[in-house]
Amino acid sequence: MATVPTSAPREDLIQTLGRLTIHAVQLIGDMALFGLHMLRWLLLRPIRRSVLLPNMYQIGVRSISVVVITGTFIGMVLAVQTYEQLKMMHFESTIGSVINMALFCELGPTLAATMLAGRVGSAMAAEIGTMRVTEQIDALRMLGADPIHYLVVPRFLACFLLIPLLTVVADIAGLCGGWFFSTQILGVHSYHYWTHSVNYVSVYDIFNGIFKSVFFGAAIAIIGCHRGFHCDAGAEGVGRAATEAFVWSFVTILVLDLFVGLFYALIELMLRSMLMNFGTLWMPPLGIPFAG
């Protein structure tokens, strides 16, 4: 007796959204537990220098050329995009303040972290994923070593410590690129460029971008290692893990940029309310009067 094959019922929009939401919550929770496990090993046992230094070299030294090129062209692109608008208002001499404010606060840290997510995060996911597929992680467990401590903690420390430094390198490269294009190509006087930069960009703004990059580095390391540890079998699984590491890192960088920016806005609002009672606070060098 022939049987009629039955097809699975199709999902409607609500069911699809529910399934995707549950999957996203499970993934975020799993990454949080993964990060807590990594922090536990970070506090319990120190990392050997022979394990940490190669990771710092791969993540830090070999990424310098990427962030220098990225930062330089960010500064040049900002000069191109802002010059015409400022010229229409006869404010082209203030181009240095616009370029450097956008560079230090937002574009420098965010785009540098995005480039490092593509270079570093994907590489970590692919490397650890290959070790999982070839059962090298299981071999580490058989030898009595915890894979999280041996593989994840050194990569996390390298990203956490070096990505802020790479952000500073990208900022300096963008500063030089914006200055060169503005003064040598667009004809802005160098004195006006640096004067407005010093007067309108404060140490508070520079620290804002560096502070963001600390969170960006931690997120790139945790997401890249997590995707490598949970990749599927075969070459396709490793490739998918590398892709997911970059996509999730990029989305997380944007979300963190939003919330850290809101945090800084709240701190600035609190400072302004305090200054209304205690007068005017002068910022350190490279700053401007912070009037209440």
Foldseek 3Di string as FASTA:
>chain_A
DDDDDDDDDDDDPVVVVVVVVVVVVVVVVVLVVLVVVLVVLVVPDPDDPVQQVVLLCQLAVVCLVVLLVVLLVLLLVLLVVCQVVCVVVPNNLLSLQVSLLCCQQPDLLLVLLLVSLLVPLLVLLLVLLVCVQVVVCVVCVVVVHHCSNRRQNSNLVSLLPRQLVSSVSSSVSSSVNNLCCCCVPVNHDSVSNVVSQLANAAPLSNVNSSVLSNVLSNLSSSQSNVLNVPFDHDPVRSNVSSVRSSVVSSVVSVVSSVVSVVVVVVVLVVVQVVCVVVPWDFGPGSYHIPGD
